[in-house]
Amino acid sequence: MFLHLGSGHSVRTKDIIAIFDYALLENGLSGRKIVSCLEDGEDSAKSAVLTDKAVYLSAISALTLKKRSSLNTFI
């Protein structure tokens, strides 16, 4: 299954290590490849999705992404 992060970006749910509130990580993201999933008009990230290859910044809240990632589509 894939998780849509906004702005046309999606990641496989099995590749996600963690979903964080971006405010908690603002100072600790150095040394990682960062992929922005923000629209051009948006100026602040609400969440960061950590995978083994990159950190994805999203304007969608961490709680919303967590709920979306745990939906069971095979009901």
PDB file of N, CA and C in Angstrom:
ATOM      1  N   MET A   1       0.835  -1.161   0.000  1.00  0.00           N
ATOM      2  CA  MET A   1       0.000   0.000   0.000  1.00  0.00           C
ATOM      3  C   MET A   1       0.893   1.241   0.000  1.00  0.00           C
ATOM      4  N   PHE A   2       0.375   2.324  -0.546  1.00  0.00           N
ATOM      5  CA  PHE A   2       1.111   3.574  -0.601  1.00  0.00           C
ATOM      6  C   PHE A   2       0.442   4.618   0.279  1.00  0.00           C
ATOM      7  N   LEU A   3       1.241   5.534   0.803  1.00  0.00           N
ATOM      8  CA  LEU A   3       0.743   6.643   1.607  1.00  0.00           C
ATOM      9  C   LEU A   3       1.011   7.930   0.848  1.00  0.00           C
ATOM     10  N   HIS A   4      -0.055   8.680   0.553  1.00  0.00           N
ATOM     11  CA  HIS A   4       0.074   9.945  -0.167  1.00  0.00           C
ATOM     12  C   HIS A   4       0.506  11.029   0.817  1.00  0.00           C
ATOM     13  N   LEU A   5       1.593  11.735   0.506  1.00  0.00           N
ATOM     14  CA  LEU A   5       2.149  12.755   1.391  1.00  0.00           C
ATOM     15  C   LEU A   5       1.808  14.169   0.963  1.00  0.00           C
ATOM     16  N   GLY A   6       1.130  14.297  -0.170  1.00  0.00           N
ATOM     17  CA  GLY A   6       0.795  15.615  -0.687  1.00  0.00           C
ATOM     18  C   GLY A   6       1.707  15.988  -1.836  1.00  0.00           C
ATOM     19  N   SER A   7       1.222  16.903  -2.658  1.00  0.00           N
ATOM     20  CA  SER A   7       2.003  17.434  -3.778  1.00  0.00           C
ATOM     21  C   SER A   7       2.480  16.340  -4.736  1.00  0.00           C
ATOM     22  N   GLY A   8       1.684  15.288  -4.888  1.00  0.00           N
ATOM     23  CA  GLY A   8       2.009  14.235  -5.837  1.00  0.00           C
ATOM     24  C   GLY A   8       3.046  13.235  -5.372  1.00  0.00           C
ATOM     25  N   HIS A   9       3.435  13.258  -4.121  1.00  0.00           N
ATOM     26  CA  HIS A   9       4.424  12.324  -3.589  1.00  0.00           C
ATOM     27  C   HIS A   9       3.736  11.224  -2.783  1.00  0.00           C
ATOM     28  N   SER A  10       4.191  10.007  -2.979  1.00  0.00           N
ATOM     29  CA  SER A  10       3.703   8.860  -2.223  1.00  0.00           C
ATOM     30  C   SER A  10       4.888   7.972  -1.854  1.00  0.00           C
ATOM     31  N   VAL A  11       4.764   7.279  -0.735  1.00  0.00           N
ATOM     32  CA  VAL A  11       5.783   6.312  -0.328  1.00  0.00           C
ATOM     33  C   VAL A  11       5.088   5.009   0.030  1.00  0.00           C
ATOM     34  N   ARG A  12       5.805   3.914  -0.111  1.00  0.00           N
ATOM     35  CA  ARG A  12       5.257   2.620   0.266  1.00  0.00           C
ATOM     36  C   ARG A  12       5.194   2.553   1.784  1.00  0.00           C
ATOM     37  N   THR A  13       4.079   2.086   2.310  1.00  0.00           N
ATOM     38  CA  THR A  13       3.922   2.049   3.767  1.00  0.00           C
ATOM     39  C   THR A  13       4.937   1.119   4.427  1.00  0.00           C
ATOM     40  N   LYS A  14       5.361   0.072   3.731  1.00  0.00           N
ATOM     41  CA  LYS A  14       6.343  -0.835   4.341  1.00  0.00           C
ATOM     42  C   LYS A  14       7.742  -0.208   4.408  1.00  0.00           C
ATOM     43  N   ASP A  15       7.984   0.890   3.678  1.00  0.00           N
ATOM     44  CA  ASP A  15       9.272   1.582   3.727  1.00  0.00           C
ATOM     45  C   ASP A  15       9.334   2.648   4.817  1.00  0.00           C
ATOM     46  N   ILE A  16       8.194   2.963   5.429  1.00  0.00           N
ATOM     47  CA  ILE A  16       8.148   4.011   6.450  1.00  0.00           C
ATOM     48  C   ILE A  16       8.694   3.470   7.762  1.00  0.00           C
ATOM     49  N   ILE A  17       9.667   4.197   8.311  1.00  0.00           N
ATOM     50  CA  ILE A  17      10.235   3.845   9.610  1.00  0.00           C
ATOM     51  C   ILE A  17       9.476   4.565  10.716  1.00  0.00           C
ATOM     52  N   ALA A  18       9.191   5.867  10.504  1.00  0.00           N
ATOM     53  CA  ALA A  18       8.484   6.655  11.518  1.00  0.00           C
ATOM     54  C   ALA A  18       7.855   7.887  10.879  1.00  0.00           C
ATOM     55  N   ILE A  19       6.822   8.386  11.534  1.00  0.00           N
ATOM     56  CA  ILE A  19       6.182   9.637  11.147  1.00  0.00           C
ATOM     57  C   ILE A  19       6.260  10.544  12.364  1.00  0.00           C
ATOM     58  N   PHE A  20       6.868  11.736  12.179  1.00  0.00           N
ATOM     59  CA  PHE A  20       7.089  12.661  13.278  1.00  0.00           C
ATOM     60  C   PHE A  20       6.385  13.988  13.046  1.00  0.00           C
ATOM     61  N   ASP A  21       6.094  14.672  14.135  1.00  0.00           N
ATOM     62  CA  ASP A  21       5.661  16.061  14.066  1.00  0.00           C
ATOM     63  C   ASP A  21       6.896  16.877  13.705  1.00  0.00           C
ATOM     64  N   TYR A  22       6.823  17.683  12.653  1.00  0.00           N
ATOM     65  CA  TYR A  22       7.995  18.399  12.154  1.00  0.00           C
ATOM     66  C   TYR A  22       8.585  19.349  13.186  1.00  0.00           C
ATOM     67  N   ALA A  23       7.755  19.941  14.027  1.00  0.00           N
ATOM     68  CA  ALA A  23       8.258  20.881  15.036  1.00  0.00           C
ATOM     69  C   ALA A  23       9.264  20.212  15.973  1.00  0.00           C
ATOM     70  N   LEU A  24       9.148  18.911  16.169  1.00  0.00           N
ATOM     71  CA  LEU A  24      10.073  18.194  17.042  1.00  0.00           C
ATOM     72  C   LEU A  24      11.421  17.924  16.383  1.00  0.00           C
ATOM     73  N   LEU A  25      11.479  17.990  15.045  1.00  0.00           N
ATOM     74  CA  LEU A  25      12.683  17.598  14.317  1.00  0.00           C
ATOM     75  C   LEU A  25      13.418  18.731  13.618  1.00  0.00           C
ATOM     76  N   GLU A  26      12.923  19.937  13.725  1.00  0.00           N
ATOM     77  CA  GLU A  26      13.467  21.049  12.932  1.00  0.00           C
ATOM     78  C   GLU A  26      14.983  21.162  12.988  1.00  0.00           C
ATOM     79  N   ASN A  27      15.577  20.919  14.116  1.00  0.00           N
ATOM     80  CA  ASN A  27      17.018  21.110  14.263  1.00  0.00           C
ATOM     81  C   ASN A  27      17.836  19.842  14.050  1.00  0.00           C
ATOM     82  N   GLY A  28      17.210  18.674  13.934  1.00  0.00           N
ATOM     83  CA  GLY A  28      17.956  17.435  13.880  1.00  0.00           C
ATOM     84  C   GLY A  28      17.942  16.703  12.552  1.00  0.00           C
ATOM     85  N   LEU A  29      17.672  17.378  11.446  1.00  0.00           N
ATOM     86  CA  LEU A  29      17.574  16.697  10.166  1.00  0.00           C
ATOM     87  C   LEU A  29      18.836  16.771   9.316  1.00  0.00           C
ATOM     88  N   SER A  30      19.897  17.322   9.827  1.00  0.00           N
ATOM     89  CA  SER A  30      21.111  17.433   9.026  1.00  0.00           C
ATOM     90  C   SER A  30      21.705  16.051   8.754  1.00  0.00           C
ATOM     91  N   GLY A  31      22.325  15.898   7.598  1.00  0.00           N
ATOM     92  CA  GLY A  31      22.950  14.638   7.243  1.00  0.00           C
ATOM     93  C   GLY A  31      22.030  13.648   6.560  1.00  0.00           C
ATOM     94  N   ARG A  32      20.778  13.994   6.323  1.00  0.00           N
ATOM     95  CA  ARG A  32      19.812  13.128   5.653  1.00  0.00           C
ATOM     96  C   ARG A  32      19.334  13.794   4.380  1.00  0.00           C
ATOM     97  N   LYS A  33      19.015  12.997   3.385  1.00  0.00           N
ATOM     98  CA  LYS A  33      18.406  13.525   2.167  1.00  0.00           C
ATOM     99  C   LYS A  33      16.974  13.931   2.509  1.00  0.00           C
ATOM    100  N   ILE A  34      16.627  15.190   2.242  1.00  0.00           N
ATOM    101  CA  ILE A  34      15.300  15.693   2.565  1.00  0.00           C
ATOM    102  C   ILE A  34      14.548  15.964   1.275  1.00  0.00           C
ATOM    103  N   VAL A  35      13.348  15.384   1.147  1.00  0.00           N
ATOM    104  CA  VAL A  35      12.494  15.573  -0.015  1.00  0.00           C
ATOM    105  C   VAL A  35      11.273  16.355   0.437  1.00  0.00           C
ATOM    106  N   SER A  36      11.033  17.506  -0.164  1.00  0.00           N
ATOM    107  CA  SER A  36       9.901  18.331   0.224  1.00  0.00           C
ATOM    108  C   SER A  36       8.662  17.934  -0.561  1.00  0.00           C
ATOM    109  N   CYS A  37       7.582  17.696   0.144  1.00  0.00           N
ATOM    110  CA  CYS A  37       6.298  17.365  -0.474  1.00  0.00           C
ATOM    111  C   CYS A  37       5.345  18.539  -0.325  1.00  0.00           C
ATOM    112  N   LEU A  38       5.897  19.731  -0.212  1.00  0.00           N
ATOM    113  CA  LEU A  38       5.104  20.929  -0.014  1.00  0.00           C
ATOM    114  C   LEU A  38       4.804  21.597  -1.344  1.00  0.00           C
ATOM    115  N   GLU A  39       3.621  22.177  -1.452  1.00  0.00           N
ATOM    116  CA  GLU A  39       3.277  22.969  -2.629  1.00  0.00           C
ATOM    117  C   GLU A  39       4.117  24.241  -2.619  1.00  0.00           C
ATOM    118  N   ASP A  40       4.216  24.894  -3.764  1.00  0.00           N
ATOM    119  CA  ASP A  40       5.019  26.114  -3.858  1.00  0.00           C
ATOM    120  C   ASP A  40       4.534  27.198  -2.914  1.00  0.00           C
ATOM    121  N   GLY A  41       3.214  27.334  -2.720  1.00  0.00           N
ATOM    122  CA  GLY A  41       2.669  28.377  -1.862  1.00  0.00           C
ATOM    123  C   GLY A  41       2.764  28.076  -0.379  1.00  0.00           C
ATOM    124  N   GLU A  42       3.006  26.822  -0.023  1.00  0.00           N
ATOM    125  CA  GLU A  42       3.078  26.452   1.388  1.00  0.00           C
ATOM    126  C   GLU A  42       4.470  26.731   1.922  1.00  0.00           C
ATOM    127  N   ASP A  43       4.518  27.268   3.124  1.00  0.00           N
ATOM    128  CA  ASP A  43       5.826  27.624   3.669  1.00  0.00           C
ATOM    129  C   ASP A  43       6.188  26.872   4.942  1.00  0.00           C
ATOM    130  N   SER A  44       5.314  25.992   5.422  1.00  0.00           N
ATOM    131  CA  SER A  44       5.686  25.276   6.640  1.00  0.00           C
ATOM    132  C   SER A  44       5.274  23.815   6.565  1.00  0.00           C
ATOM    133  N   ALA A  45       6.166  22.978   7.013  1.00  0.00           N
ATOM    134  CA  ALA A  45       5.895  21.546   7.071  1.00  0.00           C
ATOM    135  C   ALA A  45       5.223  21.231   8.397  1.00  0.00           C
ATOM    136  N   LYS A  46       4.312  20.272   8.379  1.00  0.00           N
ATOM    137  CA  LYS A  46       3.651  19.845   9.604  1.00  0.00           C
ATOM    138  C   LYS A  46       4.157  18.488  10.074  1.00  0.00           C
ATOM    139  N   SER A  47       4.703  17.699   9.125  1.00  0.00           N
ATOM    140  CA  SER A  47       5.175  16.376   9.509  1.00  0.00           C
ATOM    141  C   SER A  47       6.414  15.997   8.708  1.00  0.00           C
ATOM    142  N   ALA A  48       7.125  15.011   9.231  1.00  0.00           N
ATOM    143  CA  ALA A  48       8.292  14.450   8.560  1.00  0.00           C
ATOM    144  C   ALA A  48       8.128  12.942   8.569  1.00  0.00           C
ATOM    145  N   VAL A  49       8.271  12.333   7.385  1.00  0.00           N
ATOM    146  CA  VAL A  49       8.136  10.893   7.246  1.00  0.00           C
ATOM    147  C   VAL A  49       9.532  10.326   6.986  1.00  0.00           C
ATOM    148  N   LEU A  50      10.001   9.486   7.880  1.00  0.00           N
ATOM    149  CA  LEU A  50      11.346   8.930   7.811  1.00  0.00           C
ATOM    150  C   LEU A  50      11.324   7.573   7.125  1.00  0.00           C
ATOM    151  N   THR A  51      12.123   7.433   6.059  1.00  0.00           N
ATOM    152  CA  THR A  51      12.347   6.142   5.413  1.00  0.00           C
ATOM    153  C   THR A  51      13.839   5.872   5.448  1.00  0.00           C
ATOM    154  N   ASP A  52      14.254   4.717   4.964  1.00  0.00           N
ATOM    155  CA  ASP A  52      15.687   4.401   4.978  1.00  0.00           C
ATOM    156  C   ASP A  52      16.455   5.221   3.943  1.00  0.00           C
ATOM    157  N   LYS A  53      15.770   5.794   2.953  1.00  0.00           N
ATOM    158  CA  LYS A  53      16.451   6.547   1.903  1.00  0.00           C
ATOM    159  C   LYS A  53      16.338   8.051   2.038  1.00  0.00           C
ATOM    160  N   ALA A  54      15.279   8.556   2.685  1.00  0.00           N
ATOM    161  CA  ALA A  54      15.066   9.999   2.733  1.00  0.00           C
ATOM    162  C   ALA A  54      14.115  10.362   3.861  1.00  0.00           C
ATOM    163  N   VAL A  55      14.063  11.669   4.142  1.00  0.00           N
ATOM    164  CA  VAL A  55      13.063  12.242   5.033  1.00  0.00           C
ATOM    165  C   VAL A  55      12.147  13.083   4.162  1.00  0.00           C
ATOM    166  N   TYR A  56      10.850  12.798   4.198  1.00  0.00           N
ATOM    167  CA  TYR A  56       9.873  13.524   3.399  1.00  0.00           C
ATOM    168  C   TYR A  56       9.146  14.512   4.289  1.00  0.00           C
ATOM    169  N   LEU A  57       9.136  15.788   3.887  1.00  0.00           N
ATOM    170  CA  LEU A  57       8.407  16.813   4.621  1.00  0.00           C
ATOM    171  C   LEU A  57       7.042  16.975   3.985  1.00  0.00           C
ATOM    172  N   SER A  58       6.005  17.045   4.809  1.00  0.00           N
ATOM    173  CA  SER A  58       4.645  17.120   4.307  1.00  0.00           C
ATOM    174  C   SER A  58       3.856  18.192   5.040  1.00  0.00           C
ATOM    175  N   ALA A  59       2.909  18.808   4.331  1.00  0.00           N
ATOM    176  CA  ALA A  59       2.013  19.793   4.924  1.00  0.00           C
ATOM    177  C   ALA A  59       0.846  19.119   5.632  1.00  0.00           C
ATOM    178  N   ILE A  60       0.750  17.798   5.528  1.00  0.00           N
ATOM    179  CA  ILE A  60      -0.299  17.034   6.189  1.00  0.00           C
ATOM    180  C   ILE A  60       0.200  16.660   7.583  1.00  0.00           C
ATOM    181  N   SER A  61      -0.661  16.773   8.577  1.00  0.00           N
ATOM    182  CA  SER A  61      -0.232  16.525   9.955  1.00  0.00           C
ATOM    183  C   SER A  61       0.182  15.067  10.166  1.00  0.00           C
ATOM    184  N   ALA A  62       1.043  14.862  11.130  1.00  0.00           N
ATOM    185  CA  ALA A  62       1.542  13.524  11.448  1.00  0.00           C
ATOM    186  C   ALA A  62       0.402  12.608  11.879  1.00  0.00           C
ATOM    187  N   LEU A  63      -0.553  13.124  12.625  1.00  0.00           N
ATOM    188  CA  LEU A  63      -1.682  12.311  13.072  1.00  0.00           C
ATOM    189  C   LEU A  63      -2.524  11.845  11.887  1.00  0.00           C
ATOM    190  N   THR A  64      -2.774  12.724  10.934  1.00  0.00           N
ATOM    191  CA  THR A  64      -3.551  12.358   9.749  1.00  0.00           C
ATOM    192  C   THR A  64      -2.813  11.310   8.926  1.00  0.00           C
ATOM    193  N   LEU A  65      -1.511  11.476   8.734  1.00  0.00           N
ATOM    194  CA  LEU A  65      -0.736  10.492   7.983  1.00  0.00           C
ATOM    195  C   LEU A  65      -0.729   9.143   8.687  1.00  0.00           C
ATOM    196  N   LYS A  66      -0.629   9.152  10.010  1.00  0.00           N
ATOM    197  CA  LYS A  66      -0.643   7.903  10.766  1.00  0.00           C
ATOM    198  C   LYS A  66      -1.969   7.188  10.580  1.00  0.00           C
ATOM    199  N   LYS A  67      -3.080   7.931  10.648  1.00  0.00           N
ATOM    200  CA  LYS A  67      -4.402   7.331  10.460  1.00  0.00           C
ATOM    201  C   LYS A  67      -4.540   6.763   9.055  1.00  0.00           C
ATOM    202  N   ARG A  68      -4.061   7.509   8.051  1.00  0.00           N
ATOM    203  CA  ARG A  68      -4.136   7.040   6.669  1.00  0.00           C
ATOM    204  C   ARG A  68      -3.303   5.774   6.468  1.00  0.00           C
ATOM    205  N   SER A  69      -2.166   5.691   7.115  1.00  0.00           N
ATOM    206  CA  SER A  69      -1.271   4.542   6.907  1.00  0.00           C
ATOM    207  C   SER A  69      -1.809   3.277   7.559  1.00  0.00           C
ATOM    208  N   SER A  70      -2.671   3.400   8.536  1.00  0.00           N
ATOM    209  CA  SER A  70      -3.169   2.216   9.220  1.00  0.00           C
ATOM    210  C   SER A  70      -4.549   1.786   8.732  1.00  0.00           C
ATOM    211  N   LEU A  71      -5.083   2.445   7.699  1.00  0.00           N
ATOM    212  CA  LEU A  71      -6.367   2.037   7.153  1.00  0.00           C
ATOM    213  C   LEU A  71      -6.256   0.675   6.482  1.00  0.00           C
ATOM    214  N   ASN A  72      -7.227  -0.160   6.705  1.00  0.00           N
ATOM    215  CA  ASN A  72      -7.246  -1.478   6.086  1.00  0.00           C
ATOM    216  C   ASN A  72      -8.120  -1.416   4.840  1.00  0.00           C
ATOM    217  N   THR A  73      -7.518  -1.510   3.655  1.00  0.00           N
ATOM    218  CA  THR A  73      -8.269  -1.380   2.420  1.00  0.00           C
ATOM    219  C   THR A  73      -8.826  -2.707   1.927  1.00  0.00           C
ATOM    220  N   PHE A  74      -8.633  -3.781   2.659  1.00  0.00           N
ATOM    221  CA  PHE A  74      -9.088  -5.095   2.230  1.00  0.00           C
ATOM    222  C   PHE A  74     -10.295  -5.573   3.022  1.00  0.00           C
ATOM    223  N   ILE A  75     -11.168  -4.679   3.406  1.00  0.00           N
ATOM    224  CA  ILE A  75     -12.351  -5.036   4.205  1.00  0.00           C
ATOM    225  C   ILE A  75     -13.439  -5.535   3.277  1.00  0.00           C
TER     226      ILE A  75
END
